[in-house]
Amino acid sequence: MIHPANASTGTSQFPRRTSRLLSIGSIALALVTLTAASSFGRISGQTGSKPPKKSNSATKPMRPAPPMRNSKMRMPAPRVVVVFPTDGKGGVSDQVSDTITETIQGRIAASGKYQTIYFLRSIPTVSRALAEATLTPNEVTHPFDDDIKLRKLMPQTGYDLALTTSVDSYTYDPAKNQVTLLISARLIDFRGDKPVVRAAAENGSSAENGGNAKEITLASQVSKSITEKLMTSLLSTDKQMVTPPPAGK
């Protein structure tokens, strides 16, 4: 037989234990929920911090295409100057022709403006013109100071720029062992109906007392010095390179 006091006490302890368990479970469930929400927030935040991937849509700006190799502009090749043998006065003046020619070709090459070819009657096109009587032997030999002759001769060389030189005066003073020279040069452009000519002339002398130097040595030194000055004058401007306007303009 249960005592009434004990009966009331037993029935009142059961609800209190149940409510205590429910409270603990509620707290635990709340902690789990908070932990999950916090983890989800961190994951969501990390995911949202990443920059969006670039779109491949048609609105994507296009990079300019690199230039093609074949589109590069090429500089035109230098024009060719036909250098004619120097017209001399005979004797030693003819012997300095090679010195004058070598100086001319060296200066032209150093300028970078032109290329040179030395005129010889053995040039294939000139030889053929001689064989076919298009040119006469007189038209391919000294002197080369005649523009009419040059105008007929130049097309056979395949070029239209001519450079001629001549020793206009040569004297030698044996008492002083001194050489005096006067040399002139002309650069002639035959592209147009009329030749465009640029001319220059220079003179010079060796020292008054040449010592034991030979005449040809003194003449070579003076001719080289004079030719250097001539080429400086001829190459100091590009006026001779201006193409003459066509006839009627």
Protein backbone atom coordinates (compact mmCIF):
# COMPACT_ATOMS: atom_id res chain seq x y z
CA MET A 1 0.00 0.00 0.00
CA ILE A 2 1.50 3.28 -1.03
CA HIS A 3 1.56 6.03 1.36
CA PRO A 4 -0.39 9.06 0.08
CA ALA A 5 2.53 11.35 0.64
CA ASN A 6 4.79 9.09 -1.31
CA ALA A 7 2.27 8.78 -4.12
CA SER A 8 2.02 12.47 -4.62
CA THR A 9 5.78 12.79 -4.53
CA GLY A 10 6.31 10.08 -7.25
CA THR A 11 3.85 11.58 -9.62
CA SER A 12 5.33 15.07 -9.30
CA GLN A 13 8.97 13.95 -9.97
CA PHE A 14 8.18 12.47 -13.43
CA PRO A 15 7.11 15.72 -15.09
CA ARG A 16 10.05 17.59 -13.65
CA ARG A 17 12.52 15.07 -15.03
CA THR A 18 10.82 15.15 -18.42
CA SER A 19 10.85 18.93 -18.58
CA ARG A 20 14.52 18.93 -17.58
CA LEU A 21 15.36 16.53 -20.37
CA LEU A 22 13.37 18.60 -22.84
CA SER A 23 15.20 21.73 -21.78
CA ILE A 24 18.60 20.07 -22.25
CA GLY A 25 17.54 18.74 -25.64
CA SER A 26 16.27 22.15 -26.70
CA ILE A 27 19.56 23.74 -25.74
CA ALA A 28 21.54 21.08 -27.58
CA LEU A 29 19.34 21.47 -30.67
CA ALA A 30 19.79 25.22 -30.54
CA LEU A 31 23.56 24.84 -30.33
CA VAL A 32 23.60 22.45 -33.30
CA THR A 33 21.41 24.86 -35.27
CA LEU A 34 23.65 27.82 -34.47
CA THR A 35 26.78 25.86 -35.34
CA ALA A 36 25.33 24.75 -38.69
CA ALA A 37 24.14 28.26 -39.48
CA SER A 38 27.55 29.68 -38.67
CA SER A 39 29.31 27.10 -40.85
CA PHE A 40 26.89 27.72 -43.69
CA GLY A 41 27.48 31.47 -43.38
CA ARG A 42 31.25 31.05 -43.62
CA ILE A 43 30.93 28.79 -46.62
CA SER A 44 28.47 31.19 -48.25
CA GLY A 45 30.77 34.12 -47.54
CA GLN A 46 33.81 32.36 -49.02
CA THR A 47 31.86 31.39 -52.07
CA GLY A 48 30.51 34.89 -52.54
CA SER A 49 33.98 36.51 -52.23
CA LYS A 50 35.26 34.83 -55.38
CA PRO A 51 35.18 37.09 -58.47
CA PRO A 52 32.77 35.94 -61.12
CA LYS A 53 34.24 34.16 -64.06
CA LYS A 54 34.68 36.15 -67.23
CA SER A 55 31.95 35.67 -69.69
CA ASN A 56 32.65 34.49 -73.20
CA SER A 57 29.70 36.45 -74.53
CA ALA A 58 29.83 38.54 -77.67
CA THR A 59 30.29 41.71 -75.61
CA LYS A 60 33.80 40.67 -74.55
CA PRO A 61 36.28 43.31 -75.83
CA MET A 62 38.46 42.04 -78.66
CA ARG A 63 42.23 42.51 -78.59
CA PRO A 64 43.71 44.03 -81.74
CA ALA A 65 45.32 41.44 -83.97
CA PRO A 66 49.13 41.59 -84.11
CA PRO A 67 50.52 43.04 -87.34
CA MET A 68 51.37 40.48 -89.98
CA ARG A 69 55.00 40.13 -90.90
CA ASN A 70 54.30 40.75 -94.56
CA SER A 71 52.65 44.09 -93.72
CA LYS A 72 55.93 45.67 -92.63
CA MET A 73 56.99 48.52 -94.87
CA ARG A 74 60.19 47.87 -96.73
CA MET A 75 62.60 50.66 -97.47
CA PRO A 76 63.34 51.10 -101.16
CA ALA A 77 66.76 49.95 -102.31
CA PRO A 78 69.33 52.71 -102.87
CA ARG A 79 69.61 53.97 -106.42
CA VAL A 80 72.62 52.90 -108.46
CA VAL A 81 75.16 55.44 -109.71
CA VAL A 82 77.18 54.52 -112.80
CA VAL A 83 80.68 55.88 -112.14
CA PHE A 84 82.57 56.62 -115.35
CA PRO A 85 86.35 56.58 -115.75
CA THR A 86 87.97 59.98 -115.18
CA ASP A 87 88.81 62.02 -118.26
CA GLY A 88 92.47 63.00 -117.92
CA LYS A 89 94.98 65.22 -119.67
CA GLY A 90 97.46 62.48 -120.40
CA GLY A 91 100.62 61.52 -118.56
CA VAL A 92 100.44 61.38 -114.76
CA SER A 93 96.93 62.86 -114.76
CA ASP A 94 95.66 59.64 -116.35
CA GLN A 95 97.44 57.56 -113.72
CA VAL A 96 95.42 59.10 -110.88
CA SER A 97 92.13 57.99 -112.46
CA ASP A 98 91.98 54.88 -110.26
CA THR A 99 92.58 56.96 -107.11
CA ILE A 100 89.77 59.32 -108.04
CA THR A 101 87.36 56.48 -108.86
CA GLU A 102 88.11 54.53 -105.67
CA THR A 103 87.57 57.66 -103.57
CA ILE A 104 84.25 58.36 -105.30
CA GLN A 105 82.93 54.84 -104.81
CA GLY A 106 84.09 54.72 -101.20
CA ARG A 107 82.36 57.99 -100.33
CA ILE A 108 79.13 57.02 -102.08
CA ALA A 109 79.03 53.67 -100.28
CA ALA A 110 79.69 55.36 -96.92
CA SER A 111 76.82 57.80 -97.48
CA GLY A 112 74.26 54.97 -97.62
CA LYS A 113 72.26 56.93 -100.21
CA TYR A 114 73.37 55.11 -103.34
CA GLN A 115 75.15 52.08 -104.68
CA THR A 116 77.76 52.26 -107.44
CA ILE A 117 78.79 50.36 -110.52
CA TYR A 118 81.94 51.16 -112.48
CA PHE A 119 81.34 51.63 -116.18
CA LEU A 120 83.08 49.18 -118.48
CA ARG A 121 82.35 48.41 -122.09
CA SER A 122 82.36 44.74 -121.04
CA ILE A 123 79.07 45.16 -119.17
CA PRO A 124 76.86 42.50 -120.86
CA THR A 125 74.13 44.90 -121.96
CA VAL A 126 76.70 47.35 -123.31
CA SER A 127 78.58 44.59 -125.13
CA ARG A 128 75.34 43.43 -126.72
CA ALA A 129 74.52 46.98 -127.80
CA LEU A 130 77.96 47.23 -129.42
CA ALA A 131 77.46 43.89 -131.17
CA GLU A 132 74.05 45.00 -132.44
CA ALA A 133 75.45 48.42 -133.47
CA THR A 134 73.03 50.18 -131.10
CA LEU A 135 76.13 51.85 -129.68
CA THR A 136 79.32 52.80 -131.47
CA PRO A 137 82.86 52.31 -130.08
CA ASN A 138 83.19 56.09 -129.78
CA GLU A 139 80.13 56.22 -127.50
CA VAL A 140 81.67 53.88 -124.94
CA THR A 141 85.11 55.53 -124.70
CA HIS A 142 86.55 58.84 -123.43
CA PRO A 143 85.56 61.58 -123.06
CA PHE A 144 82.37 61.18 -121.03
CA ASP A 145 81.61 64.87 -120.67
CA ASP A 146 79.05 64.87 -123.50
CA ASP A 147 75.45 64.72 -122.24
CA ILE A 148 74.15 63.58 -125.65
CA LYS A 149 76.53 60.63 -125.56
CA LEU A 150 75.58 59.80 -121.98
CA ARG A 151 71.86 60.05 -122.70
CA LYS A 152 72.20 57.42 -125.39
CA LEU A 153 74.57 55.27 -123.37
CA MET A 154 72.80 55.17 -119.99
CA PRO A 155 69.72 53.13 -121.04
CA GLN A 156 72.09 50.37 -122.15
CA THR A 157 73.50 50.15 -118.62
CA GLY A 158 70.03 49.74 -117.10
CA TYR A 159 70.46 52.74 -114.77
CA ASP A 160 69.73 56.46 -114.90
CA LEU A 161 72.25 58.12 -112.55
CA ALA A 162 75.70 58.92 -113.94
CA LEU A 163 78.76 60.42 -112.27
CA THR A 164 81.54 61.78 -114.46
CA THR A 165 84.84 63.38 -113.45
CA SER A 166 87.62 65.08 -115.35
CA VAL A 167 91.06 66.44 -114.59
CA ASP A 168 90.66 69.93 -116.07
CA SER A 169 94.15 71.10 -115.21
CA TYR A 170 97.38 69.39 -114.16
CA THR A 171 100.75 71.02 -113.52
CA TYR A 172 103.97 69.85 -111.97
CA ASP A 173 106.71 72.16 -110.75
CA PRO A 174 109.94 70.12 -110.58
CA ALA A 175 111.80 72.93 -108.79
CA LYS A 176 109.38 72.73 -105.88
CA ASN A 177 108.43 69.10 -106.48
CA GLN A 178 104.84 70.30 -106.31
CA VAL A 179 101.68 69.07 -108.05
CA THR A 180 98.63 71.25 -108.72
CA LEU A 181 95.31 69.80 -109.86
CA LEU A 182 91.86 71.06 -110.86
CA ILE A 183 89.17 68.36 -110.89
CA SER A 184 85.47 68.69 -111.69
CA ALA A 185 82.61 66.24 -111.20
CA ARG A 186 78.99 65.99 -112.29
CA LEU A 187 76.16 63.86 -110.93
CA ILE A 188 73.50 63.58 -113.64
CA ASP A 189 69.95 62.26 -113.25
CA PHE A 190 68.48 61.05 -116.56
CA ARG A 191 65.03 60.02 -115.30
CA GLY A 192 63.17 62.96 -116.76
CA ASP A 193 62.92 64.50 -120.20
CA LYS A 194 65.82 66.79 -119.33
CA PRO A 195 68.91 65.79 -117.35
CA VAL A 196 69.16 67.17 -113.81
CA VAL A 197 72.79 68.03 -113.18
CA ARG A 198 74.65 68.82 -109.98
CA ALA A 199 78.23 69.92 -110.59
CA ALA A 200 81.25 70.82 -108.46
CA ALA A 201 84.90 71.68 -109.02
CA GLU A 202 87.88 71.84 -106.67
CA ASN A 203 91.58 72.55 -107.02
CA GLY A 204 94.52 71.87 -104.77
CA SER A 205 98.27 71.55 -104.56
CA SER A 206 100.77 69.47 -102.70
CA ALA A 207 103.24 71.09 -100.29
CA GLU A 208 105.74 73.48 -101.90
CA ASN A 209 108.60 71.23 -100.92
CA GLY A 210 107.66 67.67 -101.66
CA GLY A 211 111.01 66.34 -100.51
CA ASN A 212 111.94 63.07 -102.13
CA ALA A 213 108.34 62.02 -102.88
CA LYS A 214 107.68 60.91 -106.45
CA GLU A 215 105.40 62.94 -108.67
CA ILE A 216 102.81 60.16 -108.93
CA THR A 217 102.72 59.90 -105.12
CA LEU A 218 102.08 63.61 -104.76
CA ALA A 219 99.51 63.57 -107.55
CA SER A 220 97.63 60.67 -105.92
CA GLN A 221 97.55 62.43 -102.54
CA VAL A 222 96.27 65.69 -104.02
CA SER A 223 93.69 63.99 -106.26
CA LYS A 224 92.32 62.02 -103.29
CA SER A 225 92.03 65.17 -101.17
CA ILE A 226 90.28 67.09 -103.96
CA THR A 227 87.89 64.22 -104.72
CA GLU A 228 86.90 64.02 -101.05
CA LYS A 229 85.88 67.68 -101.20
CA LEU A 230 83.99 67.14 -104.46
CA MET A 231 81.96 64.27 -103.04
CA THR A 232 81.18 66.23 -99.88
CA SER A 233 79.72 68.94 -102.10
CA LEU A 234 77.77 66.55 -104.34
CA LEU A 235 76.35 64.47 -101.48
CA SER A 236 75.57 67.37 -99.14
CA THR A 237 72.08 67.80 -100.66
CA ASP A 238 69.41 65.59 -102.19
CA LYS A 239 68.31 68.13 -104.76
CA GLN A 240 69.73 65.98 -107.52
CA MET A 241 67.41 63.15 -106.43
CA VAL A 242 64.20 65.09 -107.15
CA THR A 243 62.44 63.50 -110.10
CA PRO A 244 61.88 66.07 -112.83
CA PRO A 245 58.15 66.69 -113.47
CA PRO A 246 56.68 65.06 -116.59
CA ALA A 247 56.55 67.18 -119.72
CA GLY A 248 53.54 69.49 -119.88
CA LYS A 249 53.14 69.82 -116.07
